[in-house]
Amino acid sequence: MRSSLITSIRSRAATSLAGVLLVAALAGCAGQAGSGETSSAPSLPNDFPVAVELSGGDLISAAKNGAAWTASVTLGDSDTRQGAVEKLTDHGFVIIGENITTGNDQVYSLSGSEYSVRLGFSEHDGRDVVNYTVAPRADESR
């Protein structure tokens, strides 16, 4: 009986260790750059559209999923939410929708000649965060 108890404890410890190692391995994948290389800081995918100028501040995350890209950026100390929107409107994007979701969270939909952009503003750890979702325009009448 004591032997089966020791075996059970060892099995649980091995399972726990495997779980910890899996989480550590997956955390390493979160910082992958667009080229598939692991880096300590997130970076934009290599083919992120240059027409979409991101706000200053720190890049929190970025990814490409199919034909769409996402990026999350903290606003820099001198940046504002309106400034993030103006960076896009100054480069030809037009606001086609605006919505305040809950509290201080806002969402803007913008359209450009080649891309549609959705900006979502939220707060994280006391800092404003801009969440970008970028997709090629679907219509052919550009």
C-alpha atoms as a PDB file:
ATOM      1  CA  MET A   1       0.000   0.000   0.000  1.00  0.00           C
ATOM      2  CA  ARG A   2       2.825   2.387   0.833  1.00  0.00           C
ATOM      3  CA  SER A   3       4.396   1.581  -2.542  1.00  0.00           C
ATOM      4  CA  SER A   4       1.242   2.583  -4.425  1.00  0.00           C
ATOM      5  CA  LEU A   5       1.031   5.839  -2.415  1.00  0.00           C
ATOM      6  CA  ILE A   6       4.627   6.738  -3.342  1.00  0.00           C
ATOM      7  CA  THR A   7       3.950   5.853  -6.986  1.00  0.00           C
ATOM      8  CA  SER A   8       0.824   8.057  -6.940  1.00  0.00           C
ATOM      9  CA  ILE A   9       2.746  11.012  -5.456  1.00  0.00           C
ATOM     10  CA  ARG A  10       5.547  10.608  -8.017  1.00  0.00           C
ATOM     11  CA  SER A  11       2.994  10.435 -10.834  1.00  0.00           C
ATOM     12  CA  ARG A  12       1.296  13.644  -9.653  1.00  0.00           C
ATOM     13  CA  ALA A  13       4.655  15.405  -9.324  1.00  0.00           C
ATOM     14  CA  ALA A  14       5.648  14.334 -12.839  1.00  0.00           C
ATOM     15  CA  THR A  15       2.296  15.507 -14.228  1.00  0.00           C
ATOM     16  CA  SER A  16       2.655  18.863 -12.464  1.00  0.00           C
ATOM     17  CA  LEU A  17       6.202  19.299 -13.757  1.00  0.00           C
ATOM     18  CA  ALA A  18       5.064  18.462 -17.302  1.00  0.00           C
ATOM     19  CA  GLY A  19       2.318  21.102 -17.001  1.00  0.00           C
ATOM     20  CA  VAL A  20       4.786  23.734 -15.808  1.00  0.00           C
ATOM     21  CA  LEU A  21       7.171  22.919 -18.667  1.00  0.00           C
ATOM     22  CA  LEU A  22       4.316  23.111 -21.196  1.00  0.00           C
ATOM     23  CA  VAL A  23       3.247  26.541 -19.918  1.00  0.00           C
ATOM     24  CA  ALA A  24       6.855  27.759 -20.087  1.00  0.00           C
ATOM     25  CA  ALA A  25       7.217  26.468 -23.658  1.00  0.00           C
ATOM     26  CA  LEU A  26       3.960  28.116 -24.738  1.00  0.00           C
ATOM     27  CA  ALA A  27       4.984  31.385 -23.101  1.00  0.00           C
ATOM     28  CA  GLY A  28       8.131  31.323 -25.221  1.00  0.00           C
ATOM     29  CA  CYS A  29       5.971  30.995 -28.347  1.00  0.00           C
ATOM     30  CA  ALA A  30       4.016  34.136 -27.440  1.00  0.00           C
ATOM     31  CA  GLY A  31       7.002  36.312 -28.294  1.00  0.00           C
ATOM     32  CA  GLN A  32       7.477  34.871 -31.749  1.00  0.00           C
ATOM     33  CA  ALA A  33       8.226  37.332 -34.492  1.00  0.00           C
ATOM     34  CA  GLY A  34       6.573  37.206 -37.884  1.00  0.00           C
ATOM     35  CA  SER A  35       9.494  35.211 -39.282  1.00  0.00           C
ATOM     36  CA  GLY A  36       8.893  32.357 -36.825  1.00  0.00           C
ATOM     37  CA  GLU A  37      11.924  33.230 -34.692  1.00  0.00           C
ATOM     38  CA  THR A  38      11.497  33.544 -30.948  1.00  0.00           C
ATOM     39  CA  SER A  39      12.341  36.939 -29.498  1.00  0.00           C
ATOM     40  CA  SER A  40      12.069  38.413 -26.026  1.00  0.00           C
ATOM     41  CA  ALA A  41       9.820  41.267 -27.153  1.00  0.00           C
ATOM     42  CA  PRO A  42       6.843  41.054 -29.498  1.00  0.00           C
ATOM     43  CA  SER A  43       7.259  42.421 -33.003  1.00  0.00           C
ATOM     44  CA  LEU A  44       4.966  43.132 -35.911  1.00  0.00           C
ATOM     45  CA  PRO A  45       4.601  40.455 -38.573  1.00  0.00           C
ATOM     46  CA  ASN A  46       6.939  41.192 -41.482  1.00  0.00           C
ATOM     47  CA  ASP A  47       4.015  41.903 -43.816  1.00  0.00           C
ATOM     48  CA  PHE A  48       2.064  44.213 -41.460  1.00  0.00           C
ATOM     49  CA  PRO A  49       0.659  46.990 -43.713  1.00  0.00           C
ATOM     50  CA  VAL A  50       2.862  50.095 -43.692  1.00  0.00           C
ATOM     51  CA  ALA A  51      -0.238  52.159 -44.518  1.00  0.00           C
ATOM     52  CA  VAL A  52      -1.403  51.584 -40.925  1.00  0.00           C
ATOM     53  CA  GLU A  53       0.694  53.789 -38.666  1.00  0.00           C
ATOM     54  CA  LEU A  54       0.619  52.589 -35.072  1.00  0.00           C
ATOM     55  CA  SER A  55       0.604  54.788 -32.015  1.00  0.00           C
ATOM     56  CA  GLY A  56       3.779  55.372 -30.055  1.00  0.00           C
ATOM     57  CA  GLY A  57       4.309  53.348 -26.939  1.00  0.00           C
ATOM     58  CA  ASP A  58       5.133  49.716 -26.292  1.00  0.00           C
ATOM     59  CA  LEU A  59       3.987  46.897 -28.554  1.00  0.00           C
ATOM     60  CA  ILE A  60       2.258  44.389 -26.288  1.00  0.00           C
ATOM     61  CA  SER A  61       1.336  41.789 -28.884  1.00  0.00           C
ATOM     62  CA  ALA A  62       1.016  41.317 -32.626  1.00  0.00           C
ATOM     63  CA  ALA A  63      -0.098  38.491 -34.878  1.00  0.00           C
ATOM     64  CA  LYS A  64      -1.386  37.562 -38.290  1.00  0.00           C
ATOM     65  CA  ASN A  65      -4.395  35.319 -38.686  1.00  0.00           C
ATOM     66  CA  GLY A  66      -5.238  34.474 -42.281  1.00  0.00           C
ATOM     67  CA  ALA A  67      -5.455  37.761 -44.176  1.00  0.00           C
ATOM     68  CA  ALA A  68      -5.877  39.923 -41.048  1.00  0.00           C
ATOM     69  CA  TRP A  69      -3.378  41.390 -38.609  1.00  0.00           C
ATOM     70  CA  THR A  70      -3.737  42.416 -34.970  1.00  0.00           C
ATOM     71  CA  ALA A  71      -1.539  44.583 -32.797  1.00  0.00           C
ATOM     72  CA  SER A  72      -1.909  45.948 -29.275  1.00  0.00           C
ATOM     73  CA  VAL A  73       0.074  49.022 -28.256  1.00  0.00           C
ATOM     74  CA  THR A  74       0.168  51.058 -25.064  1.00  0.00           C
ATOM     75  CA  LEU A  75      -0.177  54.763 -25.673  1.00  0.00           C
ATOM     76  CA  GLY A  76       3.065  56.640 -25.092  1.00  0.00           C
ATOM     77  CA  ASP A  77       3.189  59.348 -22.449  1.00  0.00           C
ATOM     78  CA  SER A  78       2.582  62.118 -24.991  1.00  0.00           C
ATOM     79  CA  ASP A  79       0.024  60.157 -27.068  1.00  0.00           C
ATOM     80  CA  THR A  80      -3.735  60.401 -26.768  1.00  0.00           C
ATOM     81  CA  ARG A  81      -6.603  58.262 -28.012  1.00  0.00           C
ATOM     82  CA  GLN A  82      -7.590  61.013 -30.422  1.00  0.00           C
ATOM     83  CA  GLY A  83      -3.990  61.207 -31.629  1.00  0.00           C
ATOM     84  CA  ALA A  84      -4.044  57.482 -32.467  1.00  0.00           C
ATOM     85  CA  VAL A  85      -7.178  57.998 -34.568  1.00  0.00           C
ATOM     86  CA  GLU A  86      -5.679  61.085 -36.238  1.00  0.00           C
ATOM     87  CA  LYS A  87      -2.549  59.148 -37.264  1.00  0.00           C
ATOM     88  CA  LEU A  88      -4.839  57.089 -39.462  1.00  0.00           C
ATOM     89  CA  THR A  89      -7.160  59.857 -40.675  1.00  0.00           C
ATOM     90  CA  ASP A  90      -4.111  61.968 -41.581  1.00  0.00           C
ATOM     91  CA  HIS A  91      -3.051  59.089 -43.859  1.00  0.00           C
ATOM     92  CA  GLY A  92      -6.339  58.828 -45.746  1.00  0.00           C
ATOM     93  CA  PHE A  93      -8.437  56.613 -43.494  1.00  0.00           C
ATOM     94  CA  VAL A  94     -12.037  57.705 -42.928  1.00  0.00           C
ATOM     95  CA  ILE A  95     -14.005  57.049 -39.735  1.00  0.00           C
ATOM     96  CA  ILE A  96     -17.080  55.015 -40.699  1.00  0.00           C
ATOM     97  CA  GLY A  97     -18.212  54.076 -37.196  1.00  0.00           C
ATOM     98  CA  GLU A  98     -17.669  54.940 -33.556  1.00  0.00           C
ATOM     99  CA  ASN A  99     -18.990  53.295 -30.418  1.00  0.00           C
ATOM    100  CA  ILE A 100     -18.413  53.608 -26.680  1.00  0.00           C
ATOM    101  CA  THR A 101     -18.775  50.081 -25.365  1.00  0.00           C
ATOM    102  CA  THR A 102     -18.459  50.124 -21.563  1.00  0.00           C
ATOM    103  CA  GLY A 103     -17.051  52.761 -19.276  1.00  0.00           C
ATOM    104  CA  ASN A 104     -14.122  54.420 -21.010  1.00  0.00           C
ATOM    105  CA  ASP A 105     -13.711  51.765 -23.734  1.00  0.00           C
ATOM    106  CA  GLN A 106     -14.179  52.978 -27.316  1.00  0.00           C
ATOM    107  CA  VAL A 107     -14.190  51.335 -30.734  1.00  0.00           C
ATOM    108  CA  TYR A 108     -13.628  53.083 -34.074  1.00  0.00           C
ATOM    109  CA  SER A 109     -14.061  51.591 -37.534  1.00  0.00           C
ATOM    110  CA  LEU A 110     -12.001  53.203 -40.287  1.00  0.00           C
ATOM    111  CA  SER A 111     -11.740  52.566 -43.989  1.00  0.00           C
ATOM    112  CA  GLY A 112      -8.836  53.292 -46.308  1.00  0.00           C
ATOM    113  CA  SER A 113      -8.169  52.648 -49.964  1.00  0.00           C
ATOM    114  CA  GLU A 114      -6.680  49.202 -49.300  1.00  0.00           C
ATOM    115  CA  TYR A 115      -7.450  48.305 -45.683  1.00  0.00           C
ATOM    116  CA  SER A 116     -10.173  48.448 -43.069  1.00  0.00           C
ATOM    117  CA  VAL A 117      -9.042  49.129 -39.514  1.00  0.00           C
ATOM    118  CA  ARG A 118     -10.845  48.665 -36.235  1.00  0.00           C
ATOM    119  CA  LEU A 119      -9.354  50.501 -33.259  1.00  0.00           C
ATOM    120  CA  GLY A 120     -10.373  49.416 -29.805  1.00  0.00           C
ATOM    121  CA  PHE A 121      -9.308  51.523 -26.840  1.00  0.00           C
ATOM    122  CA  SER A 122      -9.205  50.119 -23.345  1.00  0.00           C
ATOM    123  CA  GLU A 123      -7.295  50.518 -20.140  1.00  0.00           C
ATOM    124  CA  HIS A 124      -4.811  48.001 -18.770  1.00  0.00           C
ATOM    125  CA  ASP A 125      -2.826  48.505 -15.564  1.00  0.00           C
ATOM    126  CA  GLY A 126      -3.734  52.204 -15.576  1.00  0.00           C
ATOM    127  CA  ARG A 127      -2.480  52.785 -19.142  1.00  0.00           C
ATOM    128  CA  ASP A 128      -4.460  53.294 -22.321  1.00  0.00           C
ATOM    129  CA  VAL A 129      -4.083  50.470 -24.826  1.00  0.00           C
ATOM    130  CA  VAL A 130      -4.900  50.626 -28.544  1.00  0.00           C
ATOM    131  CA  ASN A 131      -5.955  47.334 -30.119  1.00  0.00           C
ATOM    132  CA  TYR A 132      -5.681  47.343 -33.917  1.00  0.00           C
ATOM    133  CA  THR A 133      -7.398  44.860 -36.210  1.00  0.00           C
ATOM    134  CA  VAL A 134      -6.427  45.343 -39.858  1.00  0.00           C
ATOM    135  CA  ALA A 135      -7.882  43.547 -42.874  1.00  0.00           C
ATOM    136  CA  PRO A 136      -7.723  44.061 -46.624  1.00  0.00           C
ATOM    137  CA  ARG A 137     -10.779  45.803 -48.028  1.00  0.00           C
ATOM    138  CA  ALA A 138     -13.240  43.245 -49.295  1.00  0.00           C
ATOM    139  CA  ASP A 139     -14.939  45.344 -51.942  1.00  0.00           C
ATOM    140  CA  GLU A 140     -13.522  45.674 -55.436  1.00  0.00           C
ATOM    141  CA  SER A 141     -14.661  49.292 -55.917  1.00  0.00           C
ATOM    142  CA  ARG A 142     -11.590  50.776 -54.270  1.00  0.00           C
END
